[in-house]
Amino acid sequence: MESSFFRLTVFQTLSGTKFLLFTDPSMPNTDVLMKGVYERYADFVCKNPFWQMEMPIRIDAWERSLNQWLTRR
């Protein structure tokens, strides 16, 4: 979905988890961003033995990795 004010990119995993990304409409390569978010989700959330589906994601390593990666973008 795109307007003159924002672009909404949605990525849904095979398990049904949805990632929504709101960006400026002029921002290129949102697919690359979504792929990077999903890779970190798979590494830090899905592989965490203490996390279960439908639980909020409260994993410090996930947040640190995502913040570091997004800051470099």
N, C-alpha and C. Protein backbone atom coordinates (compact mmCIF):
# COMPACT_ATOMS: atom_id res chain seq x y z
N MET A 1 0.85 -1.15 0.00
CA MET A 1 0.00 0.00 0.00
C MET A 1 0.90 1.23 0.00
N GLU A 2 0.53 2.18 -0.80
CA GLU A 2 1.37 3.37 -0.91
C GLU A 2 0.49 4.61 -1.08
N SER A 3 0.90 5.68 -0.42
CA SER A 3 0.24 6.97 -0.60
C SER A 3 1.33 8.01 -0.78
N SER A 4 0.95 9.25 -0.86
CA SER A 4 1.97 10.30 -0.99
C SER A 4 2.67 10.55 0.35
N PHE A 5 2.14 9.99 1.43
CA PHE A 5 2.69 10.21 2.77
C PHE A 5 3.51 9.04 3.30
N PHE A 6 3.16 7.81 2.91
CA PHE A 6 3.88 6.64 3.43
C PHE A 6 3.73 5.45 2.49
N ARG A 7 4.58 4.46 2.71
CA ARG A 7 4.48 3.18 2.03
C ARG A 7 4.39 2.11 3.11
N LEU A 8 3.43 1.21 2.97
CA LEU A 8 3.27 0.09 3.90
C LEU A 8 3.70 -1.17 3.18
N THR A 9 4.70 -1.84 3.74
CA THR A 9 5.17 -3.11 3.20
C THR A 9 4.83 -4.18 4.22
N VAL A 10 4.22 -5.27 3.77
CA VAL A 10 3.83 -6.37 4.66
C VAL A 10 4.54 -7.63 4.20
N PHE A 11 5.10 -8.34 5.18
CA PHE A 11 5.73 -9.64 4.91
C PHE A 11 5.12 -10.64 5.86
N GLN A 12 4.58 -11.74 5.32
CA GLN A 12 3.99 -12.78 6.16
C GLN A 12 4.80 -14.05 6.02
N THR A 13 5.20 -14.62 7.17
CA THR A 13 5.98 -15.85 7.18
C THR A 13 5.06 -17.04 6.93
N LEU A 14 5.64 -18.20 6.71
CA LEU A 14 4.85 -19.41 6.51
C LEU A 14 4.04 -19.76 7.75
N SER A 15 4.53 -19.36 8.92
CA SER A 15 3.81 -19.65 10.17
C SER A 15 2.70 -18.64 10.44
N GLY A 16 2.60 -17.60 9.62
CA GLY A 16 1.54 -16.62 9.77
C GLY A 16 1.94 -15.33 10.45
N THR A 17 3.17 -15.25 10.94
CA THR A 17 3.64 -14.02 11.57
C THR A 17 3.75 -12.93 10.50
N LYS A 18 3.25 -11.74 10.82
CA LYS A 18 3.29 -10.64 9.87
C LYS A 18 4.22 -9.55 10.37
N PHE A 19 5.02 -9.03 9.47
CA PHE A 19 5.88 -7.89 9.74
C PHE A 19 5.36 -6.74 8.90
N LEU A 20 5.14 -5.59 9.54
CA LEU A 20 4.68 -4.40 8.83
C LEU A 20 5.76 -3.34 8.92
N LEU A 21 6.05 -2.73 7.80
CA LEU A 21 7.08 -1.71 7.73
C LEU A 21 6.48 -0.46 7.09
N PHE A 22 6.47 0.63 7.85
CA PHE A 22 6.00 1.92 7.35
C PHE A 22 7.22 2.77 7.02
N THR A 23 7.30 3.23 5.77
CA THR A 23 8.44 4.02 5.34
C THR A 23 7.97 5.22 4.52
N ASP A 24 8.91 6.09 4.25
CA ASP A 24 8.68 7.18 3.32
C ASP A 24 8.46 6.57 1.94
N PRO A 25 7.55 7.11 1.14
CA PRO A 25 7.29 6.52 -0.18
C PRO A 25 8.50 6.52 -1.11
N SER A 26 9.45 7.40 -0.86
CA SER A 26 10.62 7.46 -1.74
C SER A 26 11.71 6.47 -1.33
N MET A 27 11.53 5.77 -0.22
CA MET A 27 12.57 4.85 0.25
C MET A 27 12.64 3.62 -0.65
N PRO A 28 13.83 3.36 -1.21
CA PRO A 28 13.97 2.19 -2.08
C PRO A 28 14.28 0.93 -1.26
N ASN A 29 14.18 -0.20 -1.89
CA ASN A 29 14.63 -1.49 -1.35
C ASN A 29 13.99 -1.89 -0.03
N THR A 30 12.69 -1.71 0.10
CA THR A 30 12.04 -2.16 1.34
C THR A 30 12.06 -3.68 1.44
N ASP A 31 12.14 -4.38 0.31
CA ASP A 31 12.23 -5.84 0.35
C ASP A 31 13.51 -6.29 1.04
N VAL A 32 14.60 -5.56 0.82
CA VAL A 32 15.87 -5.88 1.47
C VAL A 32 15.74 -5.69 2.98
N LEU A 33 15.06 -4.62 3.39
CA LEU A 33 14.84 -4.39 4.82
C LEU A 33 14.02 -5.51 5.44
N MET A 34 12.94 -5.89 4.77
CA MET A 34 12.09 -6.95 5.31
C MET A 34 12.85 -8.27 5.41
N LYS A 35 13.68 -8.55 4.44
CA LYS A 35 14.47 -9.78 4.48
C LYS A 35 15.42 -9.76 5.68
N GLY A 36 16.05 -8.62 5.92
CA GLY A 36 16.96 -8.50 7.06
C GLY A 36 16.25 -8.64 8.39
N VAL A 37 15.06 -8.06 8.50
CA VAL A 37 14.28 -8.19 9.74
C VAL A 37 13.91 -9.66 9.94
N TYR A 38 13.47 -10.31 8.88
CA TYR A 38 13.07 -11.72 9.00
C TYR A 38 14.26 -12.61 9.36
N GLU A 39 15.42 -12.36 8.78
CA GLU A 39 16.61 -13.16 9.11
C GLU A 39 16.94 -13.06 10.59
N ARG A 40 16.85 -11.86 11.15
CA ARG A 40 17.13 -11.68 12.57
C ARG A 40 16.03 -12.30 13.44
N TYR A 41 14.80 -12.23 12.97
CA TYR A 41 13.69 -12.89 13.66
C TYR A 41 13.93 -14.40 13.72
N ALA A 42 14.31 -14.97 12.60
CA ALA A 42 14.56 -16.42 12.57
C ALA A 42 15.72 -16.80 13.48
N ASP A 43 16.79 -16.01 13.48
CA ASP A 43 17.97 -16.33 14.28
C ASP A 43 17.76 -16.12 15.78
N PHE A 44 17.13 -15.03 16.16
CA PHE A 44 17.08 -14.67 17.58
C PHE A 44 15.76 -15.01 18.26
N VAL A 45 14.69 -15.11 17.51
CA VAL A 45 13.39 -15.37 18.13
C VAL A 45 12.98 -16.83 17.94
N CYS A 46 12.93 -17.28 16.72
CA CYS A 46 12.47 -18.65 16.46
C CYS A 46 13.38 -19.71 17.07
N LYS A 47 14.66 -19.42 17.17
CA LYS A 47 15.61 -20.39 17.73
C LYS A 47 15.75 -20.28 19.25
N ASN A 48 15.01 -19.35 19.86
CA ASN A 48 15.06 -19.18 21.31
C ASN A 48 14.12 -20.20 21.95
N PRO A 49 14.65 -21.11 22.78
CA PRO A 49 13.82 -22.17 23.36
C PRO A 49 12.78 -21.66 24.36
N PHE A 50 12.91 -20.43 24.84
CA PHE A 50 11.98 -19.89 25.82
C PHE A 50 10.85 -19.09 25.20
N TRP A 51 10.91 -18.84 23.90
CA TRP A 51 9.88 -18.07 23.22
C TRP A 51 8.88 -19.01 22.57
N GLN A 52 7.60 -18.66 22.63
CA GLN A 52 6.54 -19.45 22.00
C GLN A 52 5.73 -18.54 21.08
N MET A 53 5.15 -19.16 20.05
CA MET A 53 4.29 -18.41 19.13
C MET A 53 3.21 -17.69 19.94
N GLU A 54 2.79 -16.56 19.45
CA GLU A 54 1.76 -15.72 20.06
C GLU A 54 2.25 -14.95 21.28
N MET A 55 3.49 -15.16 21.69
CA MET A 55 4.06 -14.39 22.80
C MET A 55 4.66 -13.10 22.25
N PRO A 56 4.61 -12.02 23.03
CA PRO A 56 5.33 -10.81 22.60
C PRO A 56 6.83 -11.12 22.52
N ILE A 57 7.51 -10.45 21.64
CA ILE A 57 8.96 -10.67 21.50
C ILE A 57 9.67 -9.72 22.46
N ARG A 58 10.19 -10.30 23.52
CA ARG A 58 10.96 -9.53 24.52
C ARG A 58 12.31 -10.22 24.70
N ILE A 59 13.12 -10.12 23.67
CA ILE A 59 14.42 -10.78 23.66
C ILE A 59 15.47 -9.71 23.38
N ASP A 60 16.29 -9.42 24.38
CA ASP A 60 17.28 -8.34 24.26
C ASP A 60 18.22 -8.53 23.07
N ALA A 61 18.67 -9.76 22.84
CA ALA A 61 19.60 -10.01 21.73
C ALA A 61 18.95 -9.68 20.39
N TRP A 62 17.66 -9.97 20.24
CA TRP A 62 16.90 -9.65 19.02
C TRP A 62 16.86 -8.15 18.82
N GLU A 63 16.54 -7.41 19.88
CA GLU A 63 16.44 -5.96 19.78
C GLU A 63 17.79 -5.33 19.45
N ARG A 64 18.84 -5.80 20.11
CA ARG A 64 20.19 -5.26 19.84
C ARG A 64 20.60 -5.52 18.40
N SER A 65 20.42 -6.76 17.95
CA SER A 65 20.82 -7.11 16.59
C SER A 65 20.04 -6.30 15.56
N LEU A 66 18.75 -6.19 15.76
CA LEU A 66 17.90 -5.44 14.82
C LEU A 66 18.27 -3.96 14.82
N ASN A 67 18.45 -3.38 16.00
CA ASN A 67 18.82 -1.96 16.08
C ASN A 67 20.17 -1.69 15.43
N GLN A 68 21.15 -2.55 15.69
CA GLN A 68 22.48 -2.37 15.07
C GLN A 68 22.38 -2.47 13.56
N TRP A 69 21.65 -3.45 13.08
CA TRP A 69 21.54 -3.64 11.64
C TRP A 69 20.81 -2.47 10.97
N LEU A 70 19.71 -2.02 11.57
CA LEU A 70 18.95 -0.91 10.99
C LEU A 70 19.74 0.39 11.04
N THR A 71 20.54 0.58 12.06
CA THR A 71 21.35 1.79 12.16
C THR A 71 22.37 1.87 11.03
N ARG A 72 22.88 0.73 10.61
CA ARG A 72 23.86 0.70 9.52
C ARG A 72 23.22 0.89 8.15
N ARG A 73 21.92 0.78 8.03
CA ARG A 73 21.24 0.87 6.73
C ARG A 73 21.19 2.29 6.26
